[in-house]
PDB file of N, CA and C in Angstrom:
ATOM      1  N   MET A   1      82.127 161.548  31.680  1.00  0.00           N
ATOM      2  CA  MET A   1      80.953 161.972  32.044  1.00  0.00           C
ATOM      3  C   MET A   1      80.810 161.022  33.376  1.00  0.00           C
ATOM      4  N   GLN A   2      80.363 161.446  34.415  1.00  0.00           N
ATOM      5  CA  GLN A   2      79.970 160.608  35.892  1.00  0.00           C
ATOM      6  C   GLN A   2      79.046 159.899  35.806  1.00  0.00           C
ATOM      7  N   GLN A   3      78.710 158.429  36.246  1.00  0.00           N
ATOM      8  CA  GLN A   3      77.405 157.623  35.720  1.00  0.00           C
ATOM      9  C   GLN A   3      77.337 157.635  37.340  1.00  0.00           C
ATOM     10  N   GLU A   4      76.045 157.999  38.222  1.00  0.00           N
ATOM     11  CA  GLU A   4      75.628 157.769  38.935  1.00  0.00           C
ATOM     12  C   GLU A   4      74.957 155.898  39.159  1.00  0.00           C
ATOM     13  N   LEU A   5      75.417 155.146  40.728  1.00  0.00           N
ATOM     14  CA  LEU A   5      74.903 153.836  40.262  1.00  0.00           C
ATOM     15  C   LEU A   5      73.847 154.415  41.481  1.00  0.00           C
ATOM     16  N   LEU A   6      72.560 153.225  41.274  1.00  0.00           N
ATOM     17  CA  LEU A   6      71.244 152.959  41.455  1.00  0.00           C
ATOM     18  C   LEU A   6      71.382 152.239  42.299  1.00  0.00           C
ATOM     19  N   GLN A   7      71.461 151.971  43.660  1.00  0.00           N
ATOM     20  CA  GLN A   7      71.122 151.178  44.722  1.00  0.00           C
ATOM     21  C   GLN A   7      69.340 150.607  45.084  1.00  0.00           C
ATOM     22  N   LYS A   8      69.544 149.544  45.275  1.00  0.00           N
ATOM     23  CA  LYS A   8      68.343 148.845  45.455  1.00  0.00           C
ATOM     24  C   LYS A   8      68.017 149.428  47.154  1.00  0.00           C
ATOM     25  N   PRO A   9      67.279 150.190  47.699  1.00  0.00           N
ATOM     26  CA  PRO A   9      67.287 150.938  48.880  1.00  0.00           C
ATOM     27  C   PRO A   9      67.356 149.408  49.820  1.00  0.00           C
ATOM     28  N   GLN A  10      68.025 149.644  51.659  1.00  0.00           N
ATOM     29  CA  GLN A  10      67.479 148.552  52.658  1.00  0.00           C
ATOM     30  C   GLN A  10      66.360 148.994  53.020  1.00  0.00           C
ATOM     31  N   VAL A  11      65.809 147.329  52.623  1.00  0.00           N
ATOM     32  CA  VAL A  11      64.091 147.299  52.815  1.00  0.00           C
ATOM     33  C   VAL A  11      64.232 147.706  54.244  1.00  0.00           C
ATOM     34  N   GLU A  12      65.033 147.261  55.339  1.00  0.00           N
ATOM     35  CA  GLU A  12      65.213 148.109  56.513  1.00  0.00           C
ATOM     36  C   GLU A  12      64.782 149.184  56.719  1.00  0.00           C
ATOM     37  N   THR A  13      65.274 149.853  55.851  1.00  0.00           N
ATOM     38  CA  THR A  13      65.508 151.755  55.849  1.00  0.00           C
ATOM     39  C   THR A  13      64.182 152.394  54.714  1.00  0.00           C
ATOM     40  N   ILE A  14      62.872 151.171  54.018  1.00  0.00           N
ATOM     41  CA  ILE A  14      62.281 152.341  53.353  1.00  0.00           C
ATOM     42  C   ILE A  14      61.219 152.766  53.924  1.00  0.00           C
ATOM     43  N   GLY A  15      60.719 153.572  53.815  1.00  0.00           N
ATOM     44  CA  GLY A  15      59.613 154.057  54.227  1.00  0.00           C
ATOM     45  C   GLY A  15      60.574 155.959  55.351  1.00  0.00           C
ATOM     46  N   ARG A  16      59.251 156.843  55.707  1.00  0.00           N
ATOM     47  CA  ARG A  16      59.870 157.896  56.945  1.00  0.00           C
ATOM     48  C   ARG A  16      58.439 158.339  57.367  1.00  0.00           C
ATOM     49  N   HIS A  17      58.905 159.402  58.588  1.00  0.00           N
ATOM     50  CA  HIS A  17      57.489 160.002  58.525  1.00  0.00           C
ATOM     51  C   HIS A  17      56.997 161.306  58.231  1.00  0.00           C
ATOM     52  N   ILE A  18      56.099 160.852  57.654  1.00  0.00           N
ATOM     53  CA  ILE A  18      55.318 162.498  56.689  1.00  0.00           C
ATOM     54  C   ILE A  18      54.674 163.139  57.271  1.00  0.00           C
ATOM     55  N   GLY A  19      54.785 162.922  59.128  1.00  0.00           N
ATOM     56  CA  GLY A  19      53.469 163.700  59.548  1.00  0.00           C
ATOM     57  C   GLY A  19      51.635 163.904  58.921  1.00  0.00           C
ATOM     58  N   PHE A  20      51.138 164.553  60.188  1.00  0.00           N
ATOM     59  CA  PHE A  20      49.438 163.899  59.802  1.00  0.00           C
ATOM     60  C   PHE A  20      49.612 164.641  58.379  1.00  0.00           C
ATOM     61  N   ASP A  21      49.694 166.494  58.423  1.00  0.00           N
ATOM     62  CA  ASP A  21      49.561 167.027  57.511  1.00  0.00           C
ATOM     63  C   ASP A  21      50.039 166.508  56.259  1.00  0.00           C
ATOM     64  N   ALA A  22      51.004 166.239  56.132  1.00  0.00           N
ATOM     65  CA  ALA A  22      50.937 165.259  54.123  1.00  0.00           C
ATOM     66  C   ALA A  22      50.002 164.100  54.566  1.00  0.00           C
ATOM     67  N   GLY A  23      50.338 163.107  55.064  1.00  0.00           N
ATOM     68  CA  GLY A  23      49.393 161.944  55.219  1.00  0.00           C
ATOM     69  C   GLY A  23      47.599 162.205  54.950  1.00  0.00           C
ATOM     70  N   GLU A  24      47.317 163.509  55.888  1.00  0.00           N
ATOM     71  CA  GLU A  24      46.099 163.660  55.316  1.00  0.00           C
ATOM     72  C   GLU A  24      45.762 164.348  54.030  1.00  0.00           C
ATOM     73  N   GLU A  25      46.885 165.274  53.297  1.00  0.00           N
ATOM     74  CA  GLU A  25      46.962 165.511  52.079  1.00  0.00           C
ATOM     75  C   GLU A  25      46.493 164.187  51.117  1.00  0.00           C
ATOM     76  N   MET A  26      47.862 163.072  51.589  1.00  0.00           N
ATOM     77  CA  MET A  26      47.316 162.206  50.402  1.00  0.00           C
ATOM     78  C   MET A  26      46.500 161.516  50.018  1.00  0.00           C
ATOM     79  N   ALA A  27      45.973 161.000  51.000  1.00  0.00           N
ATOM     80  CA  ALA A  27      44.606 160.873  51.841  1.00  0.00           C
ATOM     81  C   ALA A  27      43.526 161.354  50.927  1.00  0.00           C
ATOM     82  N   LYS A  28      43.221 162.213  51.289  1.00  0.00           N
ATOM     83  CA  LYS A  28      42.432 163.468  50.641  1.00  0.00           C
ATOM     84  C   LYS A  28      42.499 163.473  49.351  1.00  0.00           C
ATOM     85  N   ARG A  29      44.017 163.706  48.710  1.00  0.00           N
ATOM     86  CA  ARG A  29      44.070 163.561  47.042  1.00  0.00           C
ATOM     87  C   ARG A  29      42.953 162.102  46.463  1.00  0.00           C
ATOM     88  N   PHE A  30      43.469 161.029  47.233  1.00  0.00           N
ATOM     89  CA  PHE A  30      43.244 159.740  47.098  1.00  0.00           C
ATOM     90  C   PHE A  30      41.535 159.639  46.944  1.00  0.00           C
ATOM     91  N   PHE A  31      40.910 159.700  48.103  1.00  0.00           N
ATOM     92  CA  PHE A  31      39.455 160.043  49.114  1.00  0.00           C
ATOM     93  C   PHE A  31      38.456 160.893  47.917  1.00  0.00           C
ATOM     94  N   ASP A  32      39.457 161.762  47.103  1.00  0.00           N
ATOM     95  CA  ASP A  32      38.788 163.236  45.803  1.00  0.00           C
ATOM     96  C   ASP A  32      38.325 162.538  44.616  1.00  0.00           C
ATOM     97  N   LYS A  33      39.544 161.256  44.631  1.00  0.00           N
ATOM     98  CA  LYS A  33      39.392 160.131  42.863  1.00  0.00           C
ATOM     99  C   LYS A  33      38.882 159.311  43.358  1.00  0.00           C
ATOM    100  N   HIS A  34      38.901 158.681  44.395  1.00  0.00           N
ATOM    101  CA  HIS A  34      37.799 157.345  44.429  1.00  0.00           C
ATOM    102  C   HIS A  34      37.351 157.895  45.786  1.00  0.00           C
ATOM    103  N   PRO A  35      35.944 158.353  45.945  1.00  0.00           N
ATOM    104  CA  PRO A  35      34.893 158.484  46.873  1.00  0.00           C
ATOM    105  C   PRO A  35      34.673 157.549  47.376  1.00  0.00           C
ATOM    106  N   GLU A  36      34.079 156.201  46.095  1.00  0.00           N
ATOM    107  CA  GLU A  36      33.864 155.462  46.980  1.00  0.00           C
ATOM    108  C   GLU A  36      34.768 153.773  47.666  1.00  0.00           C
ATOM    109  N   GLN A  37      35.991 154.353  47.975  1.00  0.00           N
ATOM    110  CA  GLN A  37      37.218 153.929  48.565  1.00  0.00           C
ATOM    111  C   GLN A  37      37.681 154.708  49.752  1.00  0.00           C
ATOM    112  N   GLN A  38      36.169 155.845  50.654  1.00  0.00           N
ATOM    113  CA  GLN A  38      37.179 156.177  51.596  1.00  0.00           C
ATOM    114  C   GLN A  38      36.763 155.368  53.276  1.00  0.00           C
ATOM    115  N   TYR A  39      38.256 154.563  53.204  1.00  0.00           N
ATOM    116  CA  TYR A  39      38.120 153.811  54.382  1.00  0.00           C
ATOM    117  C   TYR A  39      39.434 153.613  53.886  1.00  0.00           C
ATOM    118  N   GLY A  40      39.821 153.118  55.038  1.00  0.00           N
ATOM    119  CA  GLY A  40      41.173 152.428  55.389  1.00  0.00           C
ATOM    120  C   GLY A  40      41.336 150.949  55.675  1.00  0.00           C
ATOM    121  N   ASN A  41      42.202 150.393  55.793  1.00  0.00           N
ATOM    122  CA  ASN A  41      42.359 149.116  56.860  1.00  0.00           C
ATOM    123  C   ASN A  41      42.827 148.848  58.523  1.00  0.00           C
ATOM    124  N   THR A  42      42.206 148.544  59.198  1.00  0.00           N
ATOM    125  CA  THR A  42      43.336 148.448  60.663  1.00  0.00           C
ATOM    126  C   THR A  42      44.037 147.629  60.432  1.00  0.00           C
ATOM    127  N   ILE A  43      44.878 146.779  61.018  1.00  0.00           N
ATOM    128  CA  ILE A  43      45.811 145.534  61.175  1.00  0.00           C
ATOM    129  C   ILE A  43      45.894 146.010  63.206  1.00  0.00           C
ATOM    130  N   GLY A  44      46.231 144.762  63.035  1.00  0.00           N
ATOM    131  CA  GLY A  44      46.456 144.657  64.795  1.00  0.00           C
ATOM    132  C   GLY A  44      47.754 144.439  64.854  1.00  0.00           C
ATOM    133  N   LYS A  45      48.670 145.134  66.031  1.00  0.00           N
ATOM    134  CA  LYS A  45      49.848 144.561  67.128  1.00  0.00           C
ATOM    135  C   LYS A  45      50.067 143.335  66.485  1.00  0.00           C
ATOM    136  N   GLU A  46      49.314 142.196  66.955  1.00  0.00           N
ATOM    137  CA  GLU A  46      49.979 140.949  66.988  1.00  0.00           C
ATOM    138  C   GLU A  46      50.139 140.208  65.596  1.00  0.00           C
ATOM    139  N   LEU A  47      49.336 140.595  64.470  1.00  0.00           N
ATOM    140  CA  LEU A  47      49.613 140.387  63.515  1.00  0.00           C
ATOM    141  C   LEU A  47      51.109 140.499  62.559  1.00  0.00           C
ATOM    142  N   ILE A  48      51.070 142.196  63.084  1.00  0.00           N
ATOM    143  CA  ILE A  48      51.590 142.723  62.592  1.00  0.00           C
ATOM    144  C   ILE A  48      53.641 142.450  63.390  1.00  0.00           C
ATOM    145  N   GLU A  49      53.731 142.140  64.339  1.00  0.00           N
ATOM    146  CA  GLU A  49      54.502 141.362  65.235  1.00  0.00           C
ATOM    147  C   GLU A  49      54.950 140.021  64.363  1.00  0.00           C
ATOM    148  N   LYS A  50      53.508 139.349  64.724  1.00  0.00           N
ATOM    149  CA  LYS A  50      53.768 137.663  63.289  1.00  0.00           C
ATOM    150  C   LYS A  50      54.346 137.928  62.358  1.00  0.00           C
ATOM    151  N   ILE A  51      54.351 138.454  61.785  1.00  0.00           N
ATOM    152  CA  ILE A  51      54.971 138.819  60.911  1.00  0.00           C
ATOM    153  C   ILE A  51      56.477 139.135  60.651  1.00  0.00           C
ATOM    154  N   LEU A  52      56.858 140.089  61.385  1.00  0.00           N
ATOM    155  CA  LEU A  52      58.001 141.092  61.257  1.00  0.00           C
ATOM    156  C   LEU A  52      59.032 140.149  62.331  1.00  0.00           C
ATOM    157  N   SER A  53      58.349 138.687  62.894  1.00  0.00           N
ATOM    158  CA  SER A  53      59.185 137.881  63.934  1.00  0.00           C
ATOM    159  C   SER A  53      59.775 136.741  63.058  1.00  0.00           C
ATOM    160  N   GLN A  54      59.252 136.402  62.152  1.00  0.00           N
ATOM    161  CA  GLN A  54      59.639 135.590  61.111  1.00  0.00           C
ATOM    162  C   GLN A  54      61.411 135.869  60.745  1.00  0.00           C
ATOM    163  N   PRO A  55      61.812 134.774  60.697  1.00  0.00           N
ATOM    164  CA  PRO A  55      63.469 134.699  60.798  1.00  0.00           C
ATOM    165  C   PRO A  55      63.997 134.911  59.314  1.00  0.00           C
ATOM    166  N   GLY A  56      64.782 136.038  58.991  1.00  0.00           N
ATOM    167  CA  GLY A  56      65.115 136.898  58.094  1.00  0.00           C
ATOM    168  C   GLY A  56      64.209 138.349  57.485  1.00  0.00           C
ATOM    169  N   CYS A  57      62.869 138.124  57.940  1.00  0.00           N
ATOM    170  CA  CYS A  57      62.370 139.302  57.923  1.00  0.00           C
ATOM    171  C   CYS A  57      62.940 140.290  57.753  1.00  0.00           C
ATOM    172  N   ALA A  58      62.304 141.470  56.968  1.00  0.00           N
ATOM    173  CA  ALA A  58      63.382 142.710  56.923  1.00  0.00           C
ATOM    174  C   ALA A  58      61.961 143.386  57.083  1.00  0.00           C
ATOM    175  N   GLY A  59      61.211 143.331  56.029  1.00  0.00           N
ATOM    176  CA  GLY A  59      59.582 144.457  55.727  1.00  0.00           C
ATOM    177  C   GLY A  59      58.480 143.852  55.576  1.00  0.00           C
ATOM    178  N   VAL A  60      57.186 144.182  55.668  1.00  0.00           N
ATOM    179  CA  VAL A  60      56.236 144.275  55.268  1.00  0.00           C
ATOM    180  C   VAL A  60      55.815 144.817  53.752  1.00  0.00           C
ATOM    181  N   THR A  61      55.421 143.771  53.112  1.00  0.00           N
ATOM    182  CA  THR A  61      54.303 144.203  51.937  1.00  0.00           C
ATOM    183  C   THR A  61      52.919 144.110  51.638  1.00  0.00           C
ATOM    184  N   ILE A  62      52.475 145.034  51.518  1.00  0.00           N
ATOM    185  CA  ILE A  62      51.497 145.435  51.684  1.00  0.00           C
ATOM    186  C   ILE A  62      50.599 145.262  49.981  1.00  0.00           C
ATOM    187  N   VAL A  63      49.508 144.719  49.783  1.00  0.00           N
ATOM    188  CA  VAL A  63      48.743 144.209  49.348  1.00  0.00           C
ATOM    189  C   VAL A  63      47.159 144.361  48.591  1.00  0.00           C
ATOM    190  N   PRO A  64      46.680 144.858  47.942  1.00  0.00           N
ATOM    191  CA  PRO A  64      45.295 145.324  48.352  1.00  0.00           C
ATOM    192  C   PRO A  64      44.810 143.903  47.608  1.00  0.00           C
ATOM    193  N   GLY A  65      43.296 143.628  47.602  1.00  0.00           N
ATOM    194  CA  GLY A  65      42.529 141.990  47.573  1.00  0.00           C
ATOM    195  C   GLY A  65      41.353 142.372  47.743  1.00  0.00           C
ATOM    196  N   TYR A  66      40.833 141.146  47.349  1.00  0.00           N
ATOM    197  CA  TYR A  66      39.479 141.355  47.601  1.00  0.00           C
ATOM    198  C   TYR A  66      39.465 140.058  48.276  1.00  0.00           C
ATOM    199  N   ASN A  67      38.123 140.295  49.378  1.00  0.00           N
ATOM    200  CA  ASN A  67      38.114 139.318  50.570  1.00  0.00           C
ATOM    201  C   ASN A  67      36.811 138.155  49.168  1.00  0.00           C
ATOM    202  N   GLU A  68      36.060 137.186  49.689  1.00  0.00           N
ATOM    203  CA  GLU A  68      35.336 136.484  49.604  1.00  0.00           C
ATOM    204  C   GLU A  68      34.254 137.499  48.826  1.00  0.00           C
ATOM    205  N   GLN A  69      33.524 138.451  49.848  1.00  0.00           N
ATOM    206  CA  GLN A  69      32.492 138.858  49.951  1.00  0.00           C
ATOM    207  C   GLN A  69      32.809 140.350  49.020  1.00  0.00           C
ATOM    208  N   GLY A  70      34.005 140.431  48.032  1.00  0.00           N
ATOM    209  CA  GLY A  70      34.005 141.302  47.481  1.00  0.00           C
ATOM    210  C   GLY A  70      34.522 142.741  48.203  1.00  0.00           C
ATOM    211  N   ILE A  71      34.573 142.536  49.220  1.00  0.00           N
ATOM    212  CA  ILE A  71      34.721 143.905  49.791  1.00  0.00           C
ATOM    213  C   ILE A  71      36.692 143.833  49.805  1.00  0.00           C
ATOM    214  N   ARG A  72      37.156 145.038  49.424  1.00  0.00           N
ATOM    215  CA  ARG A  72      38.472 145.254  49.037  1.00  0.00           C
ATOM    216  C   ARG A  72      39.013 145.395  50.259  1.00  0.00           C
ATOM    217  N   GLN A  73      40.315 145.027  50.471  1.00  0.00           N
ATOM    218  CA  GLN A  73      41.587 144.885  52.148  1.00  0.00           C
ATOM    219  C   GLN A  73      42.785 144.660  52.307  1.00  0.00           C
ATOM    220  N   ALA A  74      43.108 144.862  52.907  1.00  0.00           N
ATOM    221  CA  ALA A  74      44.693 144.746  52.593  1.00  0.00           C
ATOM    222  C   ALA A  74      45.152 143.923  53.104  1.00  0.00           C
ATOM    223  N   ILE A  75      46.452 142.964  51.978  1.00  0.00           N
ATOM    224  CA  ILE A  75      47.059 142.035  52.474  1.00  0.00           C
ATOM    225  C   ILE A  75      47.798 141.848  52.838  1.00  0.00           C
ATOM    226  N   LEU A  76      48.512 141.577  54.437  1.00  0.00           N
ATOM    227  CA  LEU A  76      50.093 141.826  54.131  1.00  0.00           C
ATOM    228  C   LEU A  76      51.169 140.625  54.245  1.00  0.00           C
ATOM    229  N   VAL A  77      52.077 140.732  53.345  1.00  0.00           N
ATOM    230  CA  VAL A  77      53.320 139.208  53.627  1.00  0.00           C
ATOM    231  C   VAL A  77      54.310 140.271  53.891  1.00  0.00           C
ATOM    232  N   GLY A  78      55.462 139.218  55.236  1.00  0.00           N
ATOM    233  CA  GLY A  78      56.230 139.794  54.931  1.00  0.00           C
ATOM    234  C   GLY A  78      57.798 139.778  53.491  1.00  0.00           C
ATOM    235  N   VAL A  79      58.387 139.872  54.065  1.00  0.00           N
ATOM    236  CA  VAL A  79      59.785 140.267  52.868  1.00  0.00           C
ATOM    237  C   VAL A  79      61.224 140.409  53.112  1.00  0.00           C
ATOM    238  N   ASP A  80      61.909 139.527  52.794  1.00  0.00           N
ATOM    239  CA  ASP A  80      63.319 139.348  52.997  1.00  0.00           C
ATOM    240  C   ASP A  80      63.970 140.438  52.928  1.00  0.00           C
ATOM    241  N   ALA A  81      65.575 140.827  52.371  1.00  0.00           N
ATOM    242  CA  ALA A  81      65.748 142.295  52.643  1.00  0.00           C
ATOM    243  C   ALA A  81      66.634 142.224  50.981  1.00  0.00           C
ATOM    244  N   ASN A  82      65.690 141.388  50.088  1.00  0.00           N
ATOM    245  CA  ASN A  82      66.270 141.285  48.698  1.00  0.00           C
ATOM    246  C   ASN A  82      64.116 141.694  48.601  1.00  0.00           C
ATOM    247  N   MET A  83      63.547 141.592  49.081  1.00  0.00           N
ATOM    248  CA  MET A  83      62.130 141.826  48.682  1.00  0.00           C
ATOM    249  C   MET A  83      61.876 140.620  48.234  1.00  0.00           C
ATOM    250  N   ASN A  84      61.810 139.555  48.816  1.00  0.00           N
ATOM    251  CA  ASN A  84      60.813 138.156  48.200  1.00  0.00           C
ATOM    252  C   ASN A  84      60.463 138.029  49.459  1.00  0.00           C
ATOM    253  N   PRO A  85      58.905 137.771  48.818  1.00  0.00           N
ATOM    254  CA  PRO A  85      57.826 137.287  50.162  1.00  0.00           C
ATOM    255  C   PRO A  85      58.439 135.984  50.525  1.00  0.00           C
ATOM    256  N   ILE A  86      58.500 136.286  51.993  1.00  0.00           N
ATOM    257  CA  ILE A  86      58.259 135.026  52.495  1.00  0.00           C
ATOM    258  C   ILE A  86      57.441 134.329  52.798  1.00  0.00           C
ATOM    259  N   LEU A  87      57.014 133.255  51.537  1.00  0.00           N
ATOM    260  CA  LEU A  87      56.178 132.233  52.300  1.00  0.00           C
ATOM    261  C   LEU A  87      56.342 130.656  53.159  1.00  0.00           C
ATOM    262  N   ASN A  88      57.908 130.610  53.149  1.00  0.00           N
ATOM    263  CA  ASN A  88      58.082 129.826  54.005  1.00  0.00           C
ATOM    264  C   ASN A  88      59.213 129.794  54.960  1.00  0.00           C
ATOM    265  N   TYR A  89      59.720 129.102  55.820  1.00  0.00           N
ATOM    266  CA  TYR A  89      60.657 129.257  56.215  1.00  0.00           C
ATOM    267  C   TYR A  89      61.435 128.197  57.538  1.00  0.00           C
ATOM    268  N   ASN A  90      62.558 127.656  57.866  1.00  0.00           N
ATOM    269  CA  ASN A  90      63.198 126.244  58.498  1.00  0.00           C
ATOM    270  C   ASN A  90      62.755 126.892  59.806  1.00  0.00           C
ATOM    271  N   VAL A  91      62.762 125.713  61.011  1.00  0.00           N
ATOM    272  CA  VAL A  91      62.421 125.961  62.150  1.00  0.00           C
ATOM    273  C   VAL A  91      62.735 124.516  63.106  1.00  0.00           C
ATOM    274  N   VAL A  92      63.525 124.709  63.960  1.00  0.00           N
ATOM    275  CA  VAL A  92      63.899 123.896  65.083  1.00  0.00           C
ATOM    276  C   VAL A  92      63.235 123.292  66.037  1.00  0.00           C
ATOM    277  N   ASN A  93      62.447 121.547  65.270  1.00  0.00           N
ATOM    278  CA  ASN A  93      61.491 121.828  66.590  1.00  0.00           C
ATOM    279  C   ASN A  93      62.268 121.273  67.657  1.00  0.00           C
ATOM    280  N   SER A  94      60.763 120.916  68.410  1.00  0.00           N
ATOM    281  CA  SER A  94      61.335 120.466  69.982  1.00  0.00           C
ATOM    282  C   SER A  94      62.259 119.340  70.479  1.00  0.00           C
ATOM    283  N   THR A  95      61.788 118.405  69.326  1.00  0.00           N
ATOM    284  CA  THR A  95      63.133 117.428  69.590  1.00  0.00           C
ATOM    285  C   THR A  95      64.493 117.479  68.702  1.00  0.00           C
ATOM    286  N   GLY A  96      64.537 118.624  67.991  1.00  0.00           N
ATOM    287  CA  GLY A  96      65.994 118.848  67.300  1.00  0.00           C
ATOM    288  C   GLY A  96      65.979 118.626  65.700  1.00  0.00           C
ATOM    289  N   GLU A  97      64.820 118.381  64.964  1.00  0.00           N
ATOM    290  CA  GLU A  97      64.653 118.255  63.793  1.00  0.00           C
ATOM    291  C   GLU A  97      64.085 119.864  63.066  1.00  0.00           C
ATOM    292  N   LEU A  98      64.583 119.900  61.606  1.00  0.00           N
ATOM    293  CA  LEU A  98      64.517 120.748  61.044  1.00  0.00           C
ATOM    294  C   LEU A  98      63.155 120.378  60.721  1.00  0.00           C
ATOM    295  N   GLU A  99      62.415 121.886  60.239  1.00  0.00           N
ATOM    296  CA  GLU A  99      60.697 121.563  59.975  1.00  0.00           C
ATOM    297  C   GLU A  99      60.310 122.655  59.207  1.00  0.00           C
ATOM    298  N   VAL A 100      59.601 123.069  57.892  1.00  0.00           N
ATOM    299  CA  VAL A 100      59.417 123.621  57.716  1.00  0.00           C
ATOM    300  C   VAL A 100      57.933 124.432  58.077  1.00  0.00           C
ATOM    301  N   GLU A 101      57.532 126.019  58.167  1.00  0.00           N
ATOM    302  CA  GLU A 101      56.877 126.714  58.336  1.00  0.00           C
ATOM    303  C   GLU A 101      56.352 127.747  57.254  1.00  0.00           C
ATOM    304  N   GLU A 102      55.513 127.686  56.974  1.00  0.00           N
ATOM    305  CA  GLU A 102      54.396 128.398  56.876  1.00  0.00           C
ATOM    306  C   GLU A 102      54.660 129.617  56.998  1.00  0.00           C
ATOM    307  N   GLY A 103      54.556 130.642  55.906  1.00  0.00           N
ATOM    308  CA  GLY A 103      55.373 132.318  56.084  1.00  0.00           C
ATOM    309  C   GLY A 103      53.968 133.120  56.811  1.00  0.00           C
ATOM    310  N   VAL A 104      54.083 133.621  57.291  1.00  0.00           N
ATOM    311  CA  VAL A 104      52.520 134.259  57.369  1.00  0.00           C
ATOM    312  C   VAL A 104      52.474 135.300  56.548  1.00  0.00           C
ATOM    313  N   VAL A 105      50.551 135.121  56.159  1.00  0.00           N
ATOM    314  CA  VAL A 105      50.410 136.369  54.775  1.00  0.00           C
ATOM    315  C   VAL A 105      49.067 136.499  55.690  1.00  0.00           C
ATOM    316  N   GLY A 106      48.634 138.285  56.209  1.00  0.00           N
ATOM    317  CA  GLY A 106      47.327 137.997  56.353  1.00  0.00           C
ATOM    318  C   GLY A 106      46.599 138.762  56.057  1.00  0.00           C
ATOM    319  N   ASP A 107      45.433 139.159  56.585  1.00  0.00           N
ATOM    320  CA  ASP A 107      44.606 139.877  56.041  1.00  0.00           C
ATOM    321  C   ASP A 107      44.053 139.990  57.660  1.00  0.00           C
ATOM    322  N   GLN A 108      42.175 140.112  57.043  1.00  0.00           N
ATOM    323  CA  GLN A 108      40.858 139.870  58.507  1.00  0.00           C
ATOM    324  C   GLN A 108      41.256 141.410  59.058  1.00  0.00           C
ATOM    325  N   SER A 109      42.040 142.397  57.999  1.00  0.00           N
ATOM    326  CA  SER A 109      42.105 143.515  58.656  1.00  0.00           C
ATOM    327  C   SER A 109      40.168 143.697  59.042  1.00  0.00           C
ATOM    328  N   PHE A 110      40.344 145.090  59.781  1.00  0.00           N
ATOM    329  CA  PHE A 110      38.845 145.866  60.197  1.00  0.00           C
ATOM    330  C   PHE A 110      38.345 147.131  59.438  1.00  0.00           C
ATOM    331  N   LYS A 111      38.090 147.622  58.211  1.00  0.00           N
ATOM    332  CA  LYS A 111      37.159 148.611  57.660  1.00  0.00           C
ATOM    333  C   LYS A 111      37.265 149.624  58.571  1.00  0.00           C
ATOM    334  N   THR A 112      37.584 150.671  58.729  1.00  0.00           N
ATOM    335  CA  THR A 112      37.668 151.848  59.477  1.00  0.00           C
ATOM    336  C   THR A 112      37.067 153.437  58.679  1.00  0.00           C
ATOM    337  N   ALA A 113      36.677 154.336  59.063  1.00  0.00           N
ATOM    338  CA  ALA A 113      36.413 155.008  58.326  1.00  0.00           C
ATOM    339  C   ALA A 113      37.442 155.634  57.441  1.00  0.00           C
ATOM    340  N   GLY A 114      37.767 156.686  56.229  1.00  0.00           N
ATOM    341  CA  GLY A 114      38.841 157.834  55.914  1.00  0.00           C
ATOM    342  C   GLY A 114      38.918 158.884  56.981  1.00  0.00           C
ATOM    343  N   TRP A 115      39.677 159.227  56.623  1.00  0.00           N
ATOM    344  CA  TRP A 115      40.645 159.839  57.158  1.00  0.00           C
ATOM    345  C   TRP A 115      39.300 161.148  56.867  1.00  0.00           C
TER     346      TRP A 115
END
């Protein structure tokens, strides 16, 4: 009997283009089940690029959360090739000394209407 090895995918390759029709159908199924949540969160390019430009960042994990007002928001955090969150990383400052920078964990998304 041949055993197949299950390999964890490379983080950089996770995700695929599914097209508008498939995305719309997936969103419709969700919104039909949860009509009170018919909205999306829009995140700006600057935050996404800031997260992805962190040393060792291989992808972004999106986690649901609630802000201080109890409104659902997306939280974005960079992850390394092992899917570990990047909570801090080392940088060399202008005097050549090693410093620890806090990893970027972002929210402040803009709530937009659902499809």
